[in-house]
C-alpha atoms as a PDB file:
ATOM      1  CA  UNK A   1       3.882 -18.849  24.028  1.00  0.00           C
ATOM      2  CA  UNK A   2       2.173 -17.565  21.034  1.00  0.00           C
ATOM      3  CA  UNK A   3      -0.522 -19.501  18.992  1.00  0.00           C
ATOM      4  CA  UNK A   4      -2.082 -18.576  15.844  1.00  0.00           C
ATOM      5  CA  UNK A   5      -4.632 -20.599  13.993  1.00  0.00           C
ATOM      6  CA  UNK A   6      -5.772 -20.105  10.618  1.00  0.00           C
ATOM      7  CA  UNK A   7      -9.007 -21.544   9.206  1.00  0.00           C
ATOM      8  CA  UNK A   8      -9.152 -21.651   5.179  1.00  0.00           C
ATOM      9  CA  UNK A   9     -12.161 -22.372   3.483  1.00  0.00           C
ATOM     10  CA  UNK A  10     -12.021 -24.200   0.485  1.00  0.00           C
ATOM     11  CA  UNK A  11     -13.648 -26.805  -1.716  1.00  0.00           C
ATOM     12  CA  UNK A  12     -10.649 -29.049  -2.063  1.00  0.00           C
ATOM     13  CA  UNK A  13      -9.162 -29.090   1.322  1.00  0.00           C
ATOM     14  CA  UNK A  14      -7.799 -32.662   0.916  1.00  0.00           C
ATOM     15  CA  UNK A  15      -5.680 -31.519  -2.099  1.00  0.00           C
ATOM     16  CA  UNK A  16      -4.549 -28.406  -0.230  1.00  0.00           C
ATOM     17  CA  UNK A  17      -3.659 -30.995   2.822  1.00  0.00           C
ATOM     18  CA  UNK A  18      -1.481 -33.145   0.795  1.00  0.00           C
ATOM     19  CA  UNK A  19       0.221 -30.326  -1.018  1.00  0.00           C
ATOM     20  CA  UNK A  20       1.493 -28.640   2.097  1.00  0.00           C
ATOM     21  CA  UNK A  21       1.852 -31.223   4.897  1.00  0.00           C
ATOM     22  CA  UNK A  22       5.236 -32.484   3.380  1.00  0.00           C
ATOM     23  CA  UNK A  23       6.683 -29.510   4.771  1.00  0.00           C
ATOM     24  CA  UNK A  24       5.958 -30.569   8.068  1.00  0.00           C
ATOM     25  CA  UNK A  25       9.050 -32.772   7.609  1.00  0.00           C
ATOM     26  CA  UNK A  26      11.096 -30.134   6.944  1.00  0.00           C
ATOM     27  CA  UNK A  27      10.477 -28.063  10.351  1.00  0.00           C
ATOM     28  CA  UNK A  28      11.172 -31.442  12.150  1.00  0.00           C
ATOM     29  CA  UNK A  29      14.676 -31.234  10.728  1.00  0.00           C
ATOM     30  CA  UNK A  30      15.001 -27.433  10.940  1.00  0.00           C
ATOM     31  CA  UNK A  31      14.555 -27.066  14.838  1.00  0.00           C
ATOM     32  CA  UNK A  32      12.830 -23.925  14.753  1.00  0.00           C
ATOM     33  CA  UNK A  33      11.207 -21.887  17.300  1.00  0.00           C
ATOM     34  CA  UNK A  34       7.857 -22.309  16.162  1.00  0.00           C
ATOM     35  CA  UNK A  35       5.679 -25.672  15.866  1.00  0.00           C
ATOM     36  CA  UNK A  36       2.946 -25.983  13.263  1.00  0.00           C
ATOM     37  CA  UNK A  37       0.422 -28.521  12.885  1.00  0.00           C
ATOM     38  CA  UNK A  38      -2.125 -28.740   9.937  1.00  0.00           C
ATOM     39  CA  UNK A  39      -5.540 -30.223  10.030  1.00  0.00           C
ATOM     40  CA  UNK A  40      -8.439 -30.772   7.683  1.00  0.00           C
ATOM     41  CA  UNK A  41     -12.078 -30.966   7.505  1.00  0.00           C
ATOM     42  CA  UNK A  42     -14.509 -31.499   4.181  1.00  0.00           C
ATOM     43  CA  UNK A  43     -14.341 -27.888   3.771  1.00  0.00           C
ATOM     44  CA  UNK A  44     -11.454 -26.150   5.608  1.00  0.00           C
ATOM     45  CA  UNK A  45      -7.944 -26.309   5.799  1.00  0.00           C
ATOM     46  CA  UNK A  46      -6.603 -25.949   9.418  1.00  0.00           C
ATOM     47  CA  UNK A  47      -2.985 -24.430  10.171  1.00  0.00           C
ATOM     48  CA  UNK A  48      -2.227 -24.028  13.934  1.00  0.00           C
ATOM     49  CA  UNK A  49       1.066 -22.230  14.728  1.00  0.00           C
ATOM     50  CA  UNK A  50       2.883 -22.148  18.087  1.00  0.00           C
ATOM     51  CA  UNK A  51       5.790 -20.040  18.747  1.00  0.00           C
ATOM     52  CA  UNK A  52       8.014 -18.968  21.245  1.00  0.00           C
ATOM     53  CA  UNK A  53       8.317 -14.989  20.223  1.00  0.00           C
ATOM     54  CA  UNK A  54       6.312 -12.792  17.907  1.00  0.00           C
ATOM     55  CA  UNK A  55       8.990 -12.694  15.121  1.00  0.00           C
ATOM     56  CA  UNK A  56       8.717 -16.615  14.963  1.00  0.00           C
ATOM     57  CA  UNK A  57       5.073 -16.396  14.809  1.00  0.00           C
ATOM     58  CA  UNK A  58       4.934 -13.754  12.066  1.00  0.00           C
ATOM     59  CA  UNK A  59       7.639 -15.929  10.094  1.00  0.00           C
ATOM     60  CA  UNK A  60       6.069 -19.334  10.451  1.00  0.00           C
ATOM     61  CA  UNK A  61       2.349 -17.582   9.421  1.00  0.00           C
ATOM     62  CA  UNK A  62       4.014 -15.884   6.610  1.00  0.00           C
ATOM     63  CA  UNK A  63       5.549 -19.496   5.470  1.00  0.00           C
ATOM     64  CA  UNK A  64       2.540 -21.454   5.917  1.00  0.00           C
ATOM     65  CA  UNK A  65      -0.139 -18.938   4.489  1.00  0.00           C
ATOM     66  CA  UNK A  66       2.206 -18.745   1.522  1.00  0.00           C
ATOM     67  CA  UNK A  67       2.416 -22.363   1.064  1.00  0.00           C
ATOM     68  CA  UNK A  68      -1.257 -22.523   1.288  1.00  0.00           C
ATOM     69  CA  UNK A  69      -2.054 -19.835  -1.215  1.00  0.00           C
ATOM     70  CA  UNK A  70       0.572 -21.356  -3.853  1.00  0.00           C
ATOM     71  CA  UNK A  71      -1.246 -24.842  -3.493  1.00  0.00           C
ATOM     72  CA  UNK A  72      -4.789 -23.042  -4.121  1.00  0.00           C
ATOM     73  CA  UNK A  73      -3.255 -21.203  -7.179  1.00  0.00           C
ATOM     74  CA  UNK A  74      -1.673 -24.328  -8.418  1.00  0.00           C
ATOM     75  CA  UNK A  75      -5.190 -26.180  -8.047  1.00  0.00           C
ATOM     76  CA  UNK A  76      -6.855 -23.572  -9.742  1.00  0.00           C
ATOM     77  CA  UNK A  77      -4.453 -23.675 -12.836  1.00  0.00           C
ATOM     78  CA  UNK A  78      -4.733 -27.338 -13.316  1.00  0.00           C
ATOM     79  CA  UNK A  79      -8.474 -27.307 -12.861  1.00  0.00           C
ATOM     80  CA  UNK A  80      -8.777 -24.684 -15.478  1.00  0.00           C
ATOM     81  CA  UNK A  81      -6.285 -26.333 -17.586  1.00  0.00           C
ATOM     82  CA  UNK A  82      -8.647 -29.457 -17.448  1.00  0.00           C
ATOM     83  CA  UNK A  83     -11.658 -27.418 -18.116  1.00  0.00           C
ATOM     84  CA  UNK A  84     -10.136 -25.974 -21.557  1.00  0.00           C
ATOM     85  CA  UNK A  85      -9.154 -29.511 -22.916  1.00  0.00           C
END
């Protein structure tokens, strides 16, 4: 079993957490070779991946880090739009 844990420091951990956790339901339905848990602290989003092999670990890492990046980018776009109002 392989394990990878990512700690993403952010000022908006709650927003990122709420943005990506709905995807956890998709994993349960898909029955993949990896499992993912997502947690938050006041200033970190924590993504913990467990996988049965290297390819699954890489795939899950790419997917979940990309989801977090998209959520962070959208949060920034919204914040910038609100500033410019």
